[in-house]
Amino acid sequence: MEKMDLSVDLAGVTLKNPVVMASGTFGFGREFGQFYDLSELGGICVKGLTLHPREGNPPPRIAETPMGILNSVGLQNPGVDGFIAHELPWLREHDVKIIANISGNTPEEYGIMCEKLSRAGVDMIEVNISCPNVKAGGLQYGVVPEMAAQVTEEARGHSDVPVMVKLSPNVTDITAIAQAVAEAGADALSLINTIRGMRIDVRTRRPVLKMNTGGLSGPAVLPVAVRMVWEVAQAVNLPILGMGGVSKGEDAAQLMLAGASAVAVGTACFADPYAPLKIRDGLEKIAAEQGLARVSELTGGVKPW
């Protein structure tokens, strides 16, 4: 029996398998590297980076929900220069694609970070547009097509590696944002980011998170992610990194059938550090059962009624 070809192409970057670690849940890989060789993964989206180091939000900043977690960590990170100096060299010791996730307060900050990171040798840059525009009263870039396009254009103009834009689900029409960033030069899209949510402790009557609201992730958001990946895949001709609630091979297969070229795993890692490897193997099994020669043949394979 021939071995399944697990490799996939994401905007010209070849991943040895379709499973990528989602930004924010895997840190920079050091902790999970104690469990298995990081070279087993297709790629790692590192913890979100900002131009300067950030301490993040005060605790409590993460809380469980019945089908996932809420978080308002607040982008705690060492800054882009700290990452390049102390984390990237260690990551480069592993045979895995490195995707740098960035967040900025202005389009210019995105451009500066893209220039630094592409020169440092990351394989791809993931641009988080679920960030407040300080010049527009704190309105998030990702909710207005024109603002999303402006950030994309700035990032693309300062990067020598593919630029992937991460879309927010907290919008009326995600395809409008996808089309705007595609026209502005995005090489790929990743979706979905977390869904804004809130929990309240009924005894203290206080929100369970210090910042009141946070991003919901985990199994509860999978149907939303599948729907949005499917919608975006119909609207633009760009490769998609699908994410949101993936905890087993069947979940990843749903996102790929909806149109994703690869999938990202996040919250599942908190319950089981080996989840990414199990998801990879589950995908391979599904593809084999369907008689496919390559797991990439799943992409876009949903059959309309």
C-alpha atoms as a PDB file:
ATOM      1  CA  MET A   1       0.000   0.000   0.000  1.00  0.00           C
ATOM      2  CA  GLU A   2       1.413   3.378  -1.026  1.00  0.00           C
ATOM      3  CA  LYS A   3       1.991   5.910   1.726  1.00  0.00           C
ATOM      4  CA  MET A   4      -0.421   8.836   1.740  1.00  0.00           C
ATOM      5  CA  ASP A   5       1.000  12.162   0.529  1.00  0.00           C
ATOM      6  CA  LEU A   6       0.237  14.494   3.440  1.00  0.00           C
ATOM      7  CA  SER A   7       1.948  17.582   2.025  1.00  0.00           C
ATOM      8  CA  VAL A   8      -0.071  20.680   1.160  1.00  0.00           C
ATOM      9  CA  ASP A   9       0.695  24.017  -0.450  1.00  0.00           C
ATOM     10  CA  LEU A  10      -0.215  27.210   1.388  1.00  0.00           C
ATOM     11  CA  ALA A  11       0.506  30.261  -0.766  1.00  0.00           C
ATOM     12  CA  GLY A  12       3.672  28.710  -2.148  1.00  0.00           C
ATOM     13  CA  VAL A  13       4.853  27.393   1.218  1.00  0.00           C
ATOM     14  CA  THR A  14       4.969  23.595   1.285  1.00  0.00           C
ATOM     15  CA  LEU A  15       3.829  22.076   4.577  1.00  0.00           C
ATOM     16  CA  LYS A  16       4.768  18.430   5.197  1.00  0.00           C
ATOM     17  CA  ASN A  17       1.225  17.914   6.523  1.00  0.00           C
ATOM     18  CA  PRO A  18      -1.855  20.164   6.838  1.00  0.00           C
ATOM     19  CA  VAL A  19      -1.733  20.595  10.633  1.00  0.00           C
ATOM     20  CA  VAL A  20      -0.511  23.972  11.862  1.00  0.00           C
ATOM     21  CA  MET A  21      -0.446  25.185  15.450  1.00  0.00           C
ATOM     22  CA  ALA A  22      -2.685  28.205  15.950  1.00  0.00           C
ATOM     23  CA  SER A  23      -1.206  31.427  17.265  1.00  0.00           C
ATOM     24  CA  GLY A  24      -1.627  32.129  20.955  1.00  0.00           C
ATOM     25  CA  THR A  25      -2.079  28.547  22.138  1.00  0.00           C
ATOM     26  CA  PHE A  26       1.334  27.061  21.410  1.00  0.00           C
ATOM     27  CA  GLY A  27       3.573  29.841  22.659  1.00  0.00           C
ATOM     28  CA  PHE A  28       6.857  29.522  20.797  1.00  0.00           C
ATOM     29  CA  GLY A  29       6.806  25.726  20.978  1.00  0.00           C
ATOM     30  CA  ARG A  30       9.253  25.172  23.833  1.00  0.00           C
ATOM     31  CA  GLU A  31       6.730  23.659  26.251  1.00  0.00           C
ATOM     32  CA  PHE A  32       5.163  21.346  23.671  1.00  0.00           C
ATOM     33  CA  GLY A  33       8.594  20.388  22.403  1.00  0.00           C
ATOM     34  CA  GLN A  34       8.970  18.398  25.630  1.00  0.00           C
ATOM     35  CA  PHE A  35       6.233  16.032  24.415  1.00  0.00           C
ATOM     36  CA  TYR A  36       7.286  15.395  20.808  1.00  0.00           C
ATOM     37  CA  ASP A  37       9.565  16.579  18.034  1.00  0.00           C
ATOM     38  CA  LEU A  38       8.094  19.780  16.609  1.00  0.00           C
ATOM     39  CA  SER A  39       9.218  18.584  13.183  1.00  0.00           C
ATOM     40  CA  GLU A  40       6.158  16.305  13.267  1.00  0.00           C
ATOM     41  CA  LEU A  41       3.997  19.374  12.633  1.00  0.00           C
ATOM     42  CA  GLY A  42       3.214  21.064   9.344  1.00  0.00           C
ATOM     43  CA  GLY A  43       3.744  24.553  10.729  1.00  0.00           C
ATOM     44  CA  ILE A  44       3.688  26.728  13.828  1.00  0.00           C
ATOM     45  CA  CYS A  45       1.927  30.079  14.048  1.00  0.00           C
ATOM     46  CA  VAL A  46       3.852  31.593  16.928  1.00  0.00           C
ATOM     47  CA  LYS A  47       2.340  33.608  19.740  1.00  0.00           C
ATOM     48  CA  GLY A  48       1.115  36.997  18.532  1.00  0.00           C
ATOM     49  CA  LEU A  49       3.872  39.592  18.273  1.00  0.00           C
ATOM     50  CA  THR A  50       3.738  43.364  18.624  1.00  0.00           C
ATOM     51  CA  LEU A  51       6.362  45.931  17.722  1.00  0.00           C
ATOM     52  CA  HIS A  52       7.292  46.411  21.380  1.00  0.00           C
ATOM     53  CA  PRO A  53       7.089  43.962  24.326  1.00  0.00           C
ATOM     54  CA  ARG A  54       3.731  43.747  26.109  1.00  0.00           C
ATOM     55  CA  GLU A  55       2.786  42.487  29.548  1.00  0.00           C
ATOM     56  CA  GLY A  56      -0.762  41.641  28.525  1.00  0.00           C
ATOM     57  CA  ASN A  57      -3.969  42.078  30.502  1.00  0.00           C
ATOM     58  CA  PRO A  58      -4.319  41.595  34.276  1.00  0.00           C
ATOM     59  CA  PRO A  59      -5.740  38.277  35.522  1.00  0.00           C
ATOM     60  CA  PRO A  60      -8.136  36.593  35.521  1.00  0.00           C
ATOM     61  CA  ARG A  61      -7.720  36.512  31.748  1.00  0.00           C
ATOM     62  CA  ILE A  62      -8.732  32.979  30.763  1.00  0.00           C
ATOM     63  CA  ALA A  63     -11.775  30.941  31.751  1.00  0.00           C
ATOM     64  CA  GLU A  64     -13.395  27.682  30.725  1.00  0.00           C
ATOM     65  CA  THR A  65     -16.775  27.439  29.042  1.00  0.00           C
ATOM     66  CA  PRO A  66     -18.817  24.245  28.544  1.00  0.00           C
ATOM     67  CA  MET A  67     -17.398  23.773  25.023  1.00  0.00           C
ATOM     68  CA  GLY A  68     -14.223  25.832  24.983  1.00  0.00           C
ATOM     69  CA  ILE A  69     -12.465  28.749  26.630  1.00  0.00           C
ATOM     70  CA  LEU A  70     -12.711  32.526  26.856  1.00  0.00           C
ATOM     71  CA  ASN A  71      -9.476  34.479  26.818  1.00  0.00           C
ATOM     72  CA  SER A  72      -8.373  38.084  27.081  1.00  0.00           C
ATOM     73  CA  VAL A  73      -4.640  37.522  27.502  1.00  0.00           C
ATOM     74  CA  GLY A  74      -3.919  40.813  25.782  1.00  0.00           C
ATOM     75  CA  LEU A  75      -1.050  39.803  23.494  1.00  0.00           C
ATOM     76  CA  GLN A  76       1.591  39.289  26.166  1.00  0.00           C
ATOM     77  CA  ASN A  77       4.795  38.837  24.165  1.00  0.00           C
ATOM     78  CA  PRO A  78       8.504  39.756  24.065  1.00  0.00           C
ATOM     79  CA  GLY A  79       8.154  42.054  21.049  1.00  0.00           C
ATOM     80  CA  VAL A  80       9.273  41.339  17.520  1.00  0.00           C
ATOM     81  CA  ASP A  81      12.959  42.019  18.211  1.00  0.00           C
ATOM     82  CA  GLY A  82      12.930  39.757  21.265  1.00  0.00           C
ATOM     83  CA  PHE A  83      11.334  36.984  19.223  1.00  0.00           C
ATOM     84  CA  ILE A  84      13.906  37.295  16.448  1.00  0.00           C
ATOM     85  CA  ALA A  85      16.801  37.287  18.920  1.00  0.00           C
ATOM     86  CA  HIS A  86      15.720  34.582  21.375  1.00  0.00           C
ATOM     87  CA  GLU A  87      12.936  32.385  19.965  1.00  0.00           C
ATOM     88  CA  LEU A  88      13.396  32.174  16.194  1.00  0.00           C
ATOM     89  CA  PRO A  89      16.901  30.609  16.293  1.00  0.00           C
ATOM     90  CA  TRP A  90      15.583  27.784  18.500  1.00  0.00           C
ATOM     91  CA  LEU A  91      12.539  27.236  16.292  1.00  0.00           C
ATOM     92  CA  ARG A  92      14.767  27.079  13.237  1.00  0.00           C
ATOM     93  CA  GLU A  93      16.466  24.001  14.703  1.00  0.00           C
ATOM     94  CA  HIS A  94      13.292  22.074  13.819  1.00  0.00           C
ATOM     95  CA  ASP A  95      12.101  21.006  10.385  1.00  0.00           C
ATOM     96  CA  VAL A  96       8.807  22.900  10.542  1.00  0.00           C
ATOM     97  CA  LYS A  97       7.477  25.998   8.815  1.00  0.00           C
ATOM     98  CA  ILE A  98       7.432  29.106  11.002  1.00  0.00           C
ATOM     99  CA  ILE A  99       4.554  31.556  10.643  1.00  0.00           C
ATOM    100  CA  ALA A 100       4.899  34.824  12.569  1.00  0.00           C
ATOM    101  CA  ASN A 101       1.628  36.323  13.800  1.00  0.00           C
ATOM    102  CA  ILE A 102       1.647  40.117  14.165  1.00  0.00           C
ATOM    103  CA  SER A 103      -0.651  42.774  15.635  1.00  0.00           C
ATOM    104  CA  GLY A 104      -0.271  46.533  15.297  1.00  0.00           C
ATOM    105  CA  ASN A 105      -1.814  49.805  16.379  1.00  0.00           C
ATOM    106  CA  THR A 106      -1.182  51.511  13.035  1.00  0.00           C
ATOM    107  CA  PRO A 107      -0.595  50.310   9.456  1.00  0.00           C
ATOM    108  CA  GLU A 108       2.958  51.591   9.756  1.00  0.00           C
ATOM    109  CA  GLU A 109       3.643  49.245  12.681  1.00  0.00           C
ATOM    110  CA  TYR A 110       2.532  46.293  10.582  1.00  0.00           C
ATOM    111  CA  GLY A 111       4.922  47.358   7.836  1.00  0.00           C
ATOM    112  CA  ILE A 112       7.880  47.665  10.207  1.00  0.00           C
ATOM    113  CA  MET A 113       7.240  44.222  11.696  1.00  0.00           C
ATOM    114  CA  CYS A 114       6.832  42.599   8.298  1.00  0.00           C
ATOM    115  CA  GLU A 115      10.140  44.006   7.162  1.00  0.00           C
ATOM    116  CA  LYS A 116      11.946  42.800  10.288  1.00  0.00           C
ATOM    117  CA  LEU A 117      10.418  39.319  10.245  1.00  0.00           C
ATOM    118  CA  SER A 118      10.803  38.609   6.549  1.00  0.00           C
ATOM    119  CA  ARG A 119      14.455  39.600   6.750  1.00  0.00           C
ATOM    120  CA  ALA A 120      14.871  37.349   9.805  1.00  0.00           C
ATOM    121  CA  GLY A 121      13.762  34.335   7.785  1.00  0.00           C
ATOM    122  CA  VAL A 122      10.262  33.311   8.842  1.00  0.00           C
ATOM    123  CA  ASP A 123       8.373  31.331   6.209  1.00  0.00           C
ATOM    124  CA  MET A 124       5.146  33.336   6.305  1.00  0.00           C
ATOM    125  CA  ILE A 125       3.535  36.209   8.183  1.00  0.00           C
ATOM    126  CA  GLU A 126       0.011  36.019   9.599  1.00  0.00           C
ATOM    127  CA  VAL A 127      -1.486  39.493   9.962  1.00  0.00           C
ATOM    128  CA  ASN A 128      -3.997  39.761  12.791  1.00  0.00           C
ATOM    129  CA  ILE A 129      -6.475  42.507  11.870  1.00  0.00           C
ATOM    130  CA  SER A 130      -8.621  42.003  14.987  1.00  0.00           C
ATOM    131  CA  CYS A 131      -6.725  44.920  16.542  1.00  0.00           C
ATOM    132  CA  PRO A 132      -7.847  48.443  17.436  1.00  0.00           C
ATOM    133  CA  ASN A 133      -6.868  51.281  15.104  1.00  0.00           C
ATOM    134  CA  VAL A 134      -5.634  53.992  17.454  1.00  0.00           C
ATOM    135  CA  LYS A 135      -6.187  56.581  14.722  1.00  0.00           C
ATOM    136  CA  ALA A 136      -9.850  55.592  14.338  1.00  0.00           C
ATOM    137  CA  GLY A 137     -11.035  55.668  17.945  1.00  0.00           C
ATOM    138  CA  GLY A 138     -10.149  52.045  18.630  1.00  0.00           C
ATOM    139  CA  LEU A 139     -12.276  50.544  15.849  1.00  0.00           C
ATOM    140  CA  GLN A 140     -10.872  47.167  14.801  1.00  0.00           C
ATOM    141  CA  TYR A 141      -9.182  46.977  11.403  1.00  0.00           C
ATOM    142  CA  GLY A 142     -10.901  43.706  10.660  1.00  0.00           C
ATOM    143  CA  VAL A 143     -14.473  45.011  10.727  1.00  0.00           C
ATOM    144  CA  VAL A 144     -14.165  47.646   7.988  1.00  0.00           C
ATOM    145  CA  PRO A 145     -13.121  46.483   4.491  1.00  0.00           C
ATOM    146  CA  GLU A 146     -11.211  49.682   3.698  1.00  0.00           C
ATOM    147  CA  MET A 147      -9.208  49.538   6.932  1.00  0.00           C
ATOM    148  CA  ALA A 148      -8.485  45.832   6.500  1.00  0.00           C
ATOM    149  CA  ALA A 149      -7.258  46.533   2.981  1.00  0.00           C
ATOM    150  CA  GLN A 150      -5.014  49.357   4.175  1.00  0.00           C
ATOM    151  CA  VAL A 151      -3.239  47.107   6.683  1.00  0.00           C
ATOM    152  CA  THR A 152      -2.915  44.328   4.113  1.00  0.00           C
ATOM    153  CA  GLU A 153      -1.392  46.635   1.533  1.00  0.00           C
ATOM    154  CA  GLU A 154       1.103  47.988   4.062  1.00  0.00           C
ATOM    155  CA  ALA A 155       2.095  44.498   5.212  1.00  0.00           C
ATOM    156  CA  ARG A 156       2.374  43.098   1.689  1.00  0.00           C
ATOM    157  CA  GLY A 157       4.523  46.053   0.619  1.00  0.00           C
ATOM    158  CA  HIS A 158       7.090  45.378   3.341  1.00  0.00           C
ATOM    159  CA  SER A 159       7.315  41.587   3.239  1.00  0.00           C
ATOM    160  CA  ASP A 160       9.498  39.293   1.165  1.00  0.00           C
ATOM    161  CA  VAL A 161       7.517  36.228   2.308  1.00  0.00           C
ATOM    162  CA  PRO A 162       3.822  35.361   1.799  1.00  0.00           C
ATOM    163  CA  VAL A 163       1.354  37.419   3.836  1.00  0.00           C
ATOM    164  CA  MET A 164      -1.695  35.686   5.277  1.00  0.00           C
ATOM    165  CA  VAL A 165      -4.467  37.842   6.727  1.00  0.00           C
ATOM    166  CA  LYS A 166      -6.406  36.499   9.734  1.00  0.00           C
ATOM    167  CA  LEU A 167     -10.094  37.348   9.513  1.00  0.00           C
ATOM    168  CA  SER A 168     -12.397  38.172  12.402  1.00  0.00           C
ATOM    169  CA  PRO A 169     -15.781  36.408  12.634  1.00  0.00           C
ATOM    170  CA  ASN A 170     -17.227  39.381  14.502  1.00  0.00           C
ATOM    171  CA  VAL A 171     -18.532  41.013  11.332  1.00  0.00           C
ATOM    172  CA  THR A 172     -21.785  41.166   9.391  1.00  0.00           C
ATOM    173  CA  ASP A 173     -20.307  39.783   6.154  1.00  0.00           C
ATOM    174  CA  ILE A 174     -16.917  38.065   6.304  1.00  0.00           C
ATOM    175  CA  THR A 175     -16.769  37.757   2.506  1.00  0.00           C
ATOM    176  CA  ALA A 176     -16.652  41.551   2.155  1.00  0.00           C
ATOM    177  CA  ILE A 177     -13.528  41.658   4.334  1.00  0.00           C
ATOM    178  CA  ALA A 178     -12.023  38.697   2.488  1.00  0.00           C
ATOM    179  CA  GLN A 179     -12.547  40.349  -0.891  1.00  0.00           C
ATOM    180  CA  ALA A 180     -11.055  43.629   0.333  1.00  0.00           C
ATOM    181  CA  VAL A 181      -7.840  42.054   1.610  1.00  0.00           C
ATOM    182  CA  ALA A 182      -7.579  39.821  -1.466  1.00  0.00           C
ATOM    183  CA  GLU A 183      -7.710  42.887  -3.713  1.00  0.00           C
ATOM    184  CA  ALA A 184      -5.108  44.573  -1.480  1.00  0.00           C
ATOM    185  CA  GLY A 185      -2.607  41.798  -2.151  1.00  0.00           C
ATOM    186  CA  ALA A 186      -3.050  39.118   0.525  1.00  0.00           C
ATOM    187  CA  ASP A 187      -1.402  35.827  -0.429  1.00  0.00           C
ATOM    188  CA  ALA A 188      -3.618  33.712   1.844  1.00  0.00           C
ATOM    189  CA  LEU A 189      -6.344  33.979   4.473  1.00  0.00           C
ATOM    190  CA  SER A 190      -6.706  32.391   7.896  1.00  0.00           C
ATOM    191  CA  LEU A 191     -10.057  32.102   9.654  1.00  0.00           C
ATOM    192  CA  ILE A 192     -11.689  32.252  11.998  1.00  0.00           C
ATOM    193  CA  ASN A 193     -10.306  34.286  14.840  1.00  0.00           C
ATOM    194  CA  THR A 194     -12.113  34.011  18.176  1.00  0.00           C
ATOM    195  CA  ILE A 195     -15.748  35.004  18.666  1.00  0.00           C
ATOM    196  CA  ARG A 196     -16.333  37.710  21.241  1.00  0.00           C
ATOM    197  CA  GLY A 197     -18.045  36.386  24.352  1.00  0.00           C
ATOM    198  CA  MET A 198     -18.649  36.953  28.050  1.00  0.00           C
ATOM    199  CA  ARG A 199     -19.365  35.005  31.232  1.00  0.00           C
ATOM    200  CA  ILE A 200     -20.616  36.336  34.572  1.00  0.00           C
ATOM    201  CA  ASP A 201     -20.191  34.803  38.025  1.00  0.00           C
ATOM    202  CA  VAL A 202     -23.774  34.924  39.317  1.00  0.00           C
ATOM    203  CA  ARG A 203     -22.648  34.884  42.972  1.00  0.00           C
ATOM    204  CA  THR A 204     -20.190  37.766  42.810  1.00  0.00           C
ATOM    205  CA  ARG A 205     -22.069  39.343  39.879  1.00  0.00           C
ATOM    206  CA  ARG A 206     -18.736  40.131  38.303  1.00  0.00           C
ATOM    207  CA  PRO A 207     -17.519  39.107  34.846  1.00  0.00           C
ATOM    208  CA  VAL A 208     -15.230  36.076  35.104  1.00  0.00           C
ATOM    209  CA  LEU A 209     -12.601  37.950  33.076  1.00  0.00           C
ATOM    210  CA  LYS A 210     -10.947  41.110  34.380  1.00  0.00           C
ATOM    211  CA  MET A 211     -11.453  42.799  30.992  1.00  0.00           C
ATOM    212  CA  ASN A 212     -15.167  41.776  30.982  1.00  0.00           C
ATOM    213  CA  THR A 213     -15.209  40.156  27.540  1.00  0.00           C
ATOM    214  CA  GLY A 214     -12.884  37.781  25.733  1.00  0.00           C
ATOM    215  CA  GLY A 215     -12.433  35.602  22.676  1.00  0.00           C
ATOM    216  CA  LEU A 216     -14.341  32.324  22.584  1.00  0.00           C
ATOM    217  CA  SER A 217     -12.557  29.328  21.077  1.00  0.00           C
ATOM    218  CA  GLY A 218     -12.931  25.571  21.223  1.00  0.00           C
ATOM    219  CA  PRO A 219     -15.416  22.974  19.884  1.00  0.00           C
ATOM    220  CA  ALA A 220     -18.387  25.335  20.210  1.00  0.00           C
ATOM    221  CA  VAL A 221     -17.146  27.520  17.352  1.00  0.00           C
ATOM    222  CA  LEU A 222     -16.466  24.757  14.798  1.00  0.00           C
ATOM    223  CA  PRO A 223     -19.785  25.064  12.897  1.00  0.00           C
ATOM    224  CA  VAL A 224     -19.259  28.821  12.596  1.00  0.00           C
ATOM    225  CA  ALA A 225     -15.726  28.263  11.299  1.00  0.00           C
ATOM    226  CA  VAL A 226     -16.852  25.682   8.742  1.00  0.00           C
ATOM    227  CA  ARG A 227     -19.587  27.993   7.482  1.00  0.00           C
ATOM    228  CA  MET A 228     -17.279  30.991   7.182  1.00  0.00           C
ATOM    229  CA  VAL A 229     -14.480  29.041   5.479  1.00  0.00           C
ATOM    230  CA  TRP A 230     -17.036  27.737   2.974  1.00  0.00           C
ATOM    231  CA  GLU A 231     -18.395  31.248   2.322  1.00  0.00           C
ATOM    232  CA  VAL A 232     -14.926  32.773   1.886  1.00  0.00           C
ATOM    233  CA  ALA A 233     -13.781  29.945  -0.383  1.00  0.00           C
ATOM    234  CA  GLN A 234     -16.686  30.758  -2.706  1.00  0.00           C
ATOM    235  CA  ALA A 235     -15.906  34.480  -2.656  1.00  0.00           C
ATOM    236  CA  VAL A 236     -12.131  34.654  -3.241  1.00  0.00           C
ATOM    237  CA  ASN A 237      -9.498  32.575  -4.993  1.00  0.00           C
ATOM    238  CA  LEU A 238      -6.940  32.424  -2.189  1.00  0.00           C
ATOM    239  CA  PRO A 239      -5.584  29.538  -0.115  1.00  0.00           C
ATOM    240  CA  ILE A 240      -7.172  29.316   3.325  1.00  0.00           C
ATOM    241  CA  LEU A 241      -5.836  28.180   6.685  1.00  0.00           C
ATOM    242  CA  GLY A 242      -9.006  27.044   8.442  1.00  0.00           C
ATOM    243  CA  MET A 243      -9.319  27.075  12.221  1.00  0.00           C
ATOM    244  CA  GLY A 244     -11.844  27.157  15.014  1.00  0.00           C
ATOM    245  CA  GLY A 245     -12.762  24.227  17.232  1.00  0.00           C
ATOM    246  CA  VAL A 246     -10.616  21.541  15.601  1.00  0.00           C
ATOM    247  CA  SER A 247     -10.086  18.684  18.056  1.00  0.00           C
ATOM    248  CA  LYS A 248     -10.105  15.557  15.855  1.00  0.00           C
ATOM    249  CA  GLY A 249      -9.477  14.462  12.291  1.00  0.00           C
ATOM    250  CA  GLU A 250     -13.128  14.754  11.307  1.00  0.00           C
ATOM    251  CA  ASP A 251     -13.165  18.416  12.359  1.00  0.00           C
ATOM    252  CA  ALA A 252     -10.106  19.172  10.240  1.00  0.00           C
ATOM    253  CA  ALA A 253     -11.618  17.288   7.304  1.00  0.00           C
ATOM    254  CA  GLN A 254     -14.767  19.427   7.512  1.00  0.00           C
ATOM    255  CA  LEU A 255     -12.728  22.612   7.192  1.00  0.00           C
ATOM    256  CA  MET A 256     -10.741  21.223   4.273  1.00  0.00           C
ATOM    257  CA  LEU A 257     -13.875  20.028   2.477  1.00  0.00           C
ATOM    258  CA  ALA A 258     -15.287  23.529   2.990  1.00  0.00           C
ATOM    259  CA  GLY A 259     -12.271  24.965   1.162  1.00  0.00           C
ATOM    260  CA  ALA A 260      -9.278  25.134   3.519  1.00  0.00           C
ATOM    261  CA  SER A 261      -5.861  24.074   2.238  1.00  0.00           C
ATOM    262  CA  ALA A 262      -4.599  23.453   5.786  1.00  0.00           C
ATOM    263  CA  VAL A 263      -5.973  23.624   9.328  1.00  0.00           C
ATOM    264  CA  ALA A 264      -4.821  25.156  12.578  1.00  0.00           C
ATOM    265  CA  VAL A 265      -5.248  23.578  16.006  1.00  0.00           C
ATOM    266  CA  GLY A 266      -5.432  25.700  19.133  1.00  0.00           C
ATOM    267  CA  THR A 267      -7.618  25.137  22.181  1.00  0.00           C
ATOM    268  CA  ALA A 268      -7.498  21.333  21.794  1.00  0.00           C
ATOM    269  CA  CYS A 269      -3.829  21.432  22.835  1.00  0.00           C
ATOM    270  CA  PHE A 270      -4.770  22.577  26.340  1.00  0.00           C
ATOM    271  CA  ALA A 271      -6.744  19.365  26.894  1.00  0.00           C
ATOM    272  CA  ASP A 272      -4.306  17.095  25.044  1.00  0.00           C
ATOM    273  CA  PRO A 273      -0.799  18.175  23.974  1.00  0.00           C
ATOM    274  CA  TYR A 274      -0.773  15.332  21.439  1.00  0.00           C
ATOM    275  CA  ALA A 275      -3.972  16.534  19.741  1.00  0.00           C
ATOM    276  CA  PRO A 276      -2.146  17.890  16.637  1.00  0.00           C
ATOM    277  CA  LEU A 277      -0.553  14.523  15.895  1.00  0.00           C
ATOM    278  CA  LYS A 278      -3.839  12.672  16.458  1.00  0.00           C
ATOM    279  CA  ILE A 279      -5.602  15.125  14.134  1.00  0.00           C
ATOM    280  CA  ARG A 280      -2.930  14.613  11.463  1.00  0.00           C
ATOM    281  CA  ASP A 281      -3.307  10.846  11.699  1.00  0.00           C
ATOM    282  CA  GLY A 282      -7.097  11.148  11.675  1.00  0.00           C
ATOM    283  CA  LEU A 283      -6.987  13.200   8.496  1.00  0.00           C
ATOM    284  CA  GLU A 284      -4.749  10.627   6.855  1.00  0.00           C
ATOM    285  CA  LYS A 285      -7.169   7.857   7.800  1.00  0.00           C
ATOM    286  CA  ILE A 286     -10.168   9.711   6.375  1.00  0.00           C
ATOM    287  CA  ALA A 287      -8.357  10.426   3.105  1.00  0.00           C
ATOM    288  CA  ALA A 288      -7.269   6.790   2.840  1.00  0.00           C
ATOM    289  CA  GLU A 289     -10.786   5.510   3.499  1.00  0.00           C
ATOM    290  CA  GLN A 290     -12.008   7.667   0.630  1.00  0.00           C
ATOM    291  CA  GLY A 291      -9.369   6.298  -1.722  1.00  0.00           C
ATOM    292  CA  LEU A 292      -7.418   9.525  -2.082  1.00  0.00           C
ATOM    293  CA  ALA A 293      -3.746   9.590  -3.010  1.00  0.00           C
ATOM    294  CA  ARG A 294      -3.148  12.968  -1.357  1.00  0.00           C
ATOM    295  CA  VAL A 295      -4.796  14.549   1.655  1.00  0.00           C
ATOM    296  CA  SER A 296      -4.892  17.827  -0.304  1.00  0.00           C
ATOM    297  CA  GLU A 297      -7.625  16.277  -2.463  1.00  0.00           C
ATOM    298  CA  LEU A 298     -10.031  16.941   0.408  1.00  0.00           C
ATOM    299  CA  THR A 299      -9.807  20.706  -0.134  1.00  0.00           C
ATOM    300  CA  GLY A 300     -13.008  22.127  -1.570  1.00  0.00           C
ATOM    301  CA  GLY A 301     -14.554  18.693  -1.931  1.00  0.00           C
ATOM    302  CA  VAL A 302     -17.894  19.450  -0.295  1.00  0.00           C
ATOM    303  CA  LYS A 303     -20.806  18.223  -2.438  1.00  0.00           C
ATOM    304  CA  PRO A 304     -23.710  20.671  -2.743  1.00  0.00           C
ATOM    305  CA  TRP A 305     -27.226  19.357  -2.427  1.00  0.00           C
END
